[in-house]
Amino acid sequence: MEIQTGTITHVPAITALLNHYIEHTNARFETEPMTLGNRNNWFAQFQPDSPHQLFVAVENQTVIGFACSQPYRPSLAFAETVEVTIYLHPDAKRQGTGSALMQAILGALASQSVHCVLSGIALPNDASVALHQKFGFTEVGVFQNYARKNGERISSLWMQKLF
């Protein structure tokens, strides 16, 4: 497995990965699949040497996961705050892929003007919570039953890491 900077060529694989989670789990709150068009627009936010980064894990020329840091909110007050997202192909779990991606994204953010890294985790997801704790994230709070998808109420744990 190799960690690479994400490029536009990785967007179709990332889109397919996200659509898996949209269609088969409550980990993503979207109810409709993403399109390549809206993901290409999404990709435009990532810039080298900025707080907004994208990394992919590639094995045998196949994207098996990704991590990104995105703006938390558009207000200038949150310029030093990013939200980190990590998704893995179901077959890539528990193989160190998440840790390698988290190490890459946090390493890139350490040299940027980032003070706070946030992550929201749809519950239950013990593996994601453990991954974030391993890298120094602490629990901030839980939004209880604040979303509804597939006939279920979903809670979300929010975690943060300060630089």
C-alpha atoms as a PDB file:
ATOM      1  CA  MET A   1       0.000   0.000   0.000  1.00  0.00           C
ATOM      2  CA  GLU A   2       1.184   3.513  -0.845  1.00  0.00           C
ATOM      3  CA  ILE A   3      -0.121   6.871   0.389  1.00  0.00           C
ATOM      4  CA  GLN A   4      -0.264   9.468  -2.398  1.00  0.00           C
ATOM      5  CA  THR A   5      -1.466  13.025  -2.777  1.00  0.00           C
ATOM      6  CA  GLY A   6      -4.946  12.830  -4.271  1.00  0.00           C
ATOM      7  CA  THR A   7      -5.358  13.969  -7.867  1.00  0.00           C
ATOM      8  CA  ILE A   8      -8.324  14.483 -10.152  1.00  0.00           C
ATOM      9  CA  THR A   9      -7.675  10.979 -11.532  1.00  0.00           C
ATOM     10  CA  HIS A  10      -8.579   9.538  -8.098  1.00  0.00           C
ATOM     11  CA  VAL A  11     -11.991  11.239  -7.980  1.00  0.00           C
ATOM     12  CA  PRO A  12     -13.960   8.417  -9.711  1.00  0.00           C
ATOM     13  CA  ALA A  13     -12.661   5.867  -7.176  1.00  0.00           C
ATOM     14  CA  ILE A  14     -13.347   8.233  -4.261  1.00  0.00           C
ATOM     15  CA  THR A  15     -16.869   8.821  -5.589  1.00  0.00           C
ATOM     16  CA  ALA A  16     -17.505   5.077  -5.818  1.00  0.00           C
ATOM     17  CA  LEU A  17     -16.194   4.589  -2.287  1.00  0.00           C
ATOM     18  CA  LEU A  18     -18.424   7.339  -0.873  1.00  0.00           C
ATOM     19  CA  ASN A  19     -21.418   5.989  -2.774  1.00  0.00           C
ATOM     20  CA  HIS A  20     -20.865   2.592  -1.165  1.00  0.00           C
ATOM     21  CA  TYR A  21     -21.216   4.209   2.263  1.00  0.00           C
ATOM     22  CA  ILE A  22     -24.210   6.292   1.170  1.00  0.00           C
ATOM     23  CA  GLU A  23     -26.046   3.276  -0.241  1.00  0.00           C
ATOM     24  CA  HIS A  24     -25.149   0.629   2.337  1.00  0.00           C
ATOM     25  CA  THR A  25     -24.580   2.396   5.675  1.00  0.00           C
ATOM     26  CA  ASN A  26     -25.573   5.345   7.809  1.00  0.00           C
ATOM     27  CA  ALA A  27     -21.976   6.594   7.986  1.00  0.00           C
ATOM     28  CA  ARG A  28     -22.790   9.231   5.356  1.00  0.00           C
ATOM     29  CA  PHE A  29     -25.907  11.330   5.742  1.00  0.00           C
ATOM     30  CA  GLU A  30     -26.597  11.797   2.029  1.00  0.00           C
ATOM     31  CA  THR A  31     -29.553   9.814   0.753  1.00  0.00           C
ATOM     32  CA  GLU A  32     -28.728  10.028  -2.962  1.00  0.00           C
ATOM     33  CA  PRO A  33     -25.521   8.855  -4.652  1.00  0.00           C
ATOM     34  CA  MET A  34     -22.892  11.452  -5.469  1.00  0.00           C
ATOM     35  CA  THR A  35     -22.076  12.218  -9.075  1.00  0.00           C
ATOM     36  CA  LEU A  36     -18.709  12.546 -10.705  1.00  0.00           C
ATOM     37  CA  GLY A  37     -19.621  16.148 -11.540  1.00  0.00           C
ATOM     38  CA  ASN A  38     -20.212  17.232  -7.947  1.00  0.00           C
ATOM     39  CA  ARG A  39     -17.125  15.349  -6.768  1.00  0.00           C
ATOM     40  CA  ASN A  40     -14.994  17.098  -9.418  1.00  0.00           C
ATOM     41  CA  ASN A  41     -16.236  20.419  -7.986  1.00  0.00           C
ATOM     42  CA  TRP A  42     -15.446  19.123  -4.482  1.00  0.00           C
ATOM     43  CA  PHE A  43     -11.907  18.256  -5.595  1.00  0.00           C
ATOM     44  CA  ALA A  44     -11.209  21.894  -6.546  1.00  0.00           C
ATOM     45  CA  GLN A  45     -10.895  22.883  -2.849  1.00  0.00           C
ATOM     46  CA  PHE A  46      -7.719  20.867  -2.310  1.00  0.00           C
ATOM     47  CA  GLN A  47      -4.468  22.738  -2.859  1.00  0.00           C
ATOM     48  CA  PRO A  48      -0.875  21.784  -2.166  1.00  0.00           C
ATOM     49  CA  ASP A  49       0.653  23.677   0.737  1.00  0.00           C
ATOM     50  CA  SER A  50      -2.729  24.634   2.200  1.00  0.00           C
ATOM     51  CA  PRO A  51      -4.893  23.462   5.109  1.00  0.00           C
ATOM     52  CA  HIS A  52      -7.100  21.608   2.595  1.00  0.00           C
ATOM     53  CA  GLN A  53      -5.421  18.371   1.625  1.00  0.00           C
ATOM     54  CA  LEU A  54      -6.396  15.084  -0.009  1.00  0.00           C
ATOM     55  CA  PHE A  55      -4.522  11.797   0.306  1.00  0.00           C
ATOM     56  CA  VAL A  56      -5.347   8.384  -1.117  1.00  0.00           C
ATOM     57  CA  ALA A  57      -4.208   4.914  -0.162  1.00  0.00           C
ATOM     58  CA  VAL A  58      -3.418   2.899  -3.281  1.00  0.00           C
ATOM     59  CA  GLU A  59      -2.801  -0.815  -3.503  1.00  0.00           C
ATOM     60  CA  ASN A  60      -2.260  -2.609  -6.805  1.00  0.00           C
ATOM     61  CA  GLN A  61      -3.215   0.629  -8.621  1.00  0.00           C
ATOM     62  CA  THR A  62      -6.589   0.678  -6.824  1.00  0.00           C
ATOM     63  CA  VAL A  63      -7.739   3.349  -4.371  1.00  0.00           C
ATOM     64  CA  ILE A  64      -8.542   1.551  -1.122  1.00  0.00           C
ATOM     65  CA  GLY A  65      -9.149   4.641   1.003  1.00  0.00           C
ATOM     66  CA  PHE A  66      -8.799   8.377   1.284  1.00  0.00           C
ATOM     67  CA  ALA A  67      -8.405  11.123   3.853  1.00  0.00           C
ATOM     68  CA  CYS A  68      -9.067  14.803   3.386  1.00  0.00           C
ATOM     69  CA  SER A  69      -9.151  18.028   5.356  1.00  0.00           C
ATOM     70  CA  GLN A  70     -11.819  20.526   4.374  1.00  0.00           C
ATOM     71  CA  PRO A  71     -13.032  23.887   5.624  1.00  0.00           C
ATOM     72  CA  TYR A  72     -15.201  23.459   8.700  1.00  0.00           C
ATOM     73  CA  ARG A  73     -17.340  26.519   7.967  1.00  0.00           C
ATOM     74  CA  PRO A  74     -17.003  29.343   5.443  1.00  0.00           C
ATOM     75  CA  SER A  75     -16.594  32.102   8.055  1.00  0.00           C
ATOM     76  CA  LEU A  76     -13.118  33.636   8.376  1.00  0.00           C
ATOM     77  CA  ALA A  77     -13.410  32.965  12.123  1.00  0.00           C
ATOM     78  CA  PHE A  78     -12.887  29.270  11.294  1.00  0.00           C
ATOM     79  CA  ALA A  79      -9.897  29.769   8.958  1.00  0.00           C
ATOM     80  CA  GLU A  80      -7.636  27.765  11.312  1.00  0.00           C
ATOM     81  CA  THR A  81     -10.165  24.955  11.795  1.00  0.00           C
ATOM     82  CA  VAL A  82     -10.535  22.010   9.414  1.00  0.00           C
ATOM     83  CA  GLU A  83     -12.695  18.927   9.349  1.00  0.00           C
ATOM     84  CA  VAL A  84     -10.953  15.640   8.611  1.00  0.00           C
ATOM     85  CA  THR A  85     -12.672  12.772   6.843  1.00  0.00           C
ATOM     86  CA  ILE A  86     -11.378   9.228   6.299  1.00  0.00           C
ATOM     87  CA  TYR A  87     -13.076   6.437   4.365  1.00  0.00           C
ATOM     88  CA  LEU A  88     -11.728   2.973   3.619  1.00  0.00           C
ATOM     89  CA  HIS A  89     -12.824   0.297   1.194  1.00  0.00           C
ATOM     90  CA  PRO A  90     -14.538  -2.375   3.325  1.00  0.00           C
ATOM     91  CA  ASP A  91     -11.789  -4.888   2.426  1.00  0.00           C
ATOM     92  CA  ALA A  92      -9.062  -2.463   3.585  1.00  0.00           C
ATOM     93  CA  LYS A  93     -10.183  -2.187   7.195  1.00  0.00           C
ATOM     94  CA  ARG A  94      -7.976  -3.328  10.094  1.00  0.00           C
ATOM     95  CA  GLN A  95      -4.839  -3.408   7.932  1.00  0.00           C
ATOM     96  CA  GLY A  96      -3.229  -0.125   8.984  1.00  0.00           C
ATOM     97  CA  THR A  97      -4.674   1.850   6.066  1.00  0.00           C
ATOM     98  CA  GLY A  98      -6.620   4.244   8.290  1.00  0.00           C
ATOM     99  CA  SER A  99      -3.552   4.889  10.451  1.00  0.00           C
ATOM    100  CA  ALA A 100      -1.371   5.537   7.401  1.00  0.00           C
ATOM    101  CA  LEU A 101      -3.918   7.992   5.999  1.00  0.00           C
ATOM    102  CA  MET A 102      -4.372   9.743   9.354  1.00  0.00           C
ATOM    103  CA  GLN A 103      -0.616  10.076   9.761  1.00  0.00           C
ATOM    104  CA  ALA A 104      -0.340  11.591   6.268  1.00  0.00           C
ATOM    105  CA  ILE A 105      -3.132  14.113   6.730  1.00  0.00           C
ATOM    106  CA  LEU A 106      -2.038  15.202  10.204  1.00  0.00           C
ATOM    107  CA  GLY A 107       1.565  15.418   9.059  1.00  0.00           C
ATOM    108  CA  ALA A 108       0.549  17.718   6.211  1.00  0.00           C
ATOM    109  CA  LEU A 109      -1.597  19.852   8.515  1.00  0.00           C
ATOM    110  CA  ALA A 110       1.226  20.276  11.049  1.00  0.00           C
ATOM    111  CA  SER A 111       3.011  22.656   8.674  1.00  0.00           C
ATOM    112  CA  GLN A 112      -0.121  24.693   7.897  1.00  0.00           C
ATOM    113  CA  SER A 113      -1.891  27.440   9.795  1.00  0.00           C
ATOM    114  CA  VAL A 114      -4.274  24.963  11.449  1.00  0.00           C
ATOM    115  CA  HIS A 115      -5.113  25.168  15.131  1.00  0.00           C
ATOM    116  CA  CYS A 116      -8.068  22.774  15.415  1.00  0.00           C
ATOM    117  CA  VAL A 117      -8.904  19.575  13.549  1.00  0.00           C
ATOM    118  CA  LEU A 118     -12.468  18.274  13.902  1.00  0.00           C
ATOM    119  CA  SER A 119     -14.072  15.004  12.945  1.00  0.00           C
ATOM    120  CA  GLY A 120     -17.691  13.899  13.117  1.00  0.00           C
ATOM    121  CA  ILE A 121     -18.289  10.156  13.405  1.00  0.00           C
ATOM    122  CA  ALA A 122     -21.709   8.623  12.842  1.00  0.00           C
ATOM    123  CA  LEU A 123     -22.403   6.147  15.636  1.00  0.00           C
ATOM    124  CA  PRO A 124     -21.810   3.341  16.241  1.00  0.00           C
ATOM    125  CA  ASN A 125     -18.293   3.195  14.800  1.00  0.00           C
ATOM    126  CA  ASP A 126     -15.852   1.909  17.416  1.00  0.00           C
ATOM    127  CA  ALA A 127     -13.021   1.484  14.888  1.00  0.00           C
ATOM    128  CA  SER A 128     -13.152   5.133  13.773  1.00  0.00           C
ATOM    129  CA  VAL A 129     -13.359   6.388  17.356  1.00  0.00           C
ATOM    130  CA  ALA A 130     -10.321   4.268  18.286  1.00  0.00           C
ATOM    131  CA  LEU A 131      -8.382   5.524  15.258  1.00  0.00           C
ATOM    132  CA  HIS A 132      -9.009   9.140  16.184  1.00  0.00           C
ATOM    133  CA  GLN A 133      -8.106   8.521  19.836  1.00  0.00           C
ATOM    134  CA  LYS A 134      -4.865   6.846  18.741  1.00  0.00           C
ATOM    135  CA  PHE A 135      -3.880  10.117  17.046  1.00  0.00           C
ATOM    136  CA  GLY A 136      -4.730  12.356  19.986  1.00  0.00           C
ATOM    137  CA  PHE A 137      -8.299  13.377  19.204  1.00  0.00           C
ATOM    138  CA  THR A 138     -10.531  13.904  22.231  1.00  0.00           C
ATOM    139  CA  GLU A 139     -14.289  13.659  22.470  1.00  0.00           C
ATOM    140  CA  VAL A 140     -16.157  16.964  22.379  1.00  0.00           C
ATOM    141  CA  GLY A 141     -19.733  15.755  22.454  1.00  0.00           C
ATOM    142  CA  VAL A 142     -22.504  13.773  20.814  1.00  0.00           C
ATOM    143  CA  PHE A 143     -25.352  15.061  18.707  1.00  0.00           C
ATOM    144  CA  GLN A 144     -28.031  12.587  19.803  1.00  0.00           C
ATOM    145  CA  ASN A 145     -30.463  11.289  17.172  1.00  0.00           C
ATOM    146  CA  TYR A 146     -30.033  14.430  15.059  1.00  0.00           C
ATOM    147  CA  ALA A 147     -30.330  12.812  11.623  1.00  0.00           C
ATOM    148  CA  ARG A 148     -32.650  10.268  10.074  1.00  0.00           C
ATOM    149  CA  LYS A 149     -31.729   7.855   7.304  1.00  0.00           C
ATOM    150  CA  ASN A 150     -33.038   4.449   6.287  1.00  0.00           C
ATOM    151  CA  GLY A 151     -35.747   4.758   8.921  1.00  0.00           C
ATOM    152  CA  GLU A 152     -33.197   5.118  11.723  1.00  0.00           C
ATOM    153  CA  ARG A 153     -32.168   8.010  13.937  1.00  0.00           C
ATOM    154  CA  ILE A 154     -28.441   8.634  13.806  1.00  0.00           C
ATOM    155  CA  SER A 155     -26.190  10.107  16.466  1.00  0.00           C
ATOM    156  CA  SER A 156     -22.772  11.571  15.765  1.00  0.00           C
ATOM    157  CA  LEU A 157     -19.727  11.854  18.012  1.00  0.00           C
ATOM    158  CA  TRP A 158     -17.579  14.927  17.457  1.00  0.00           C
ATOM    159  CA  MET A 159     -13.879  14.802  18.235  1.00  0.00           C
ATOM    160  CA  GLN A 160     -11.113  17.386  18.038  1.00  0.00           C
ATOM    161  CA  LYS A 161      -7.346  17.638  18.035  1.00  0.00           C
ATOM    162  CA  LEU A 162      -5.621  20.919  18.796  1.00  0.00           C
ATOM    163  CA  PHE A 163      -2.218  21.795  17.301  1.00  0.00           C
END
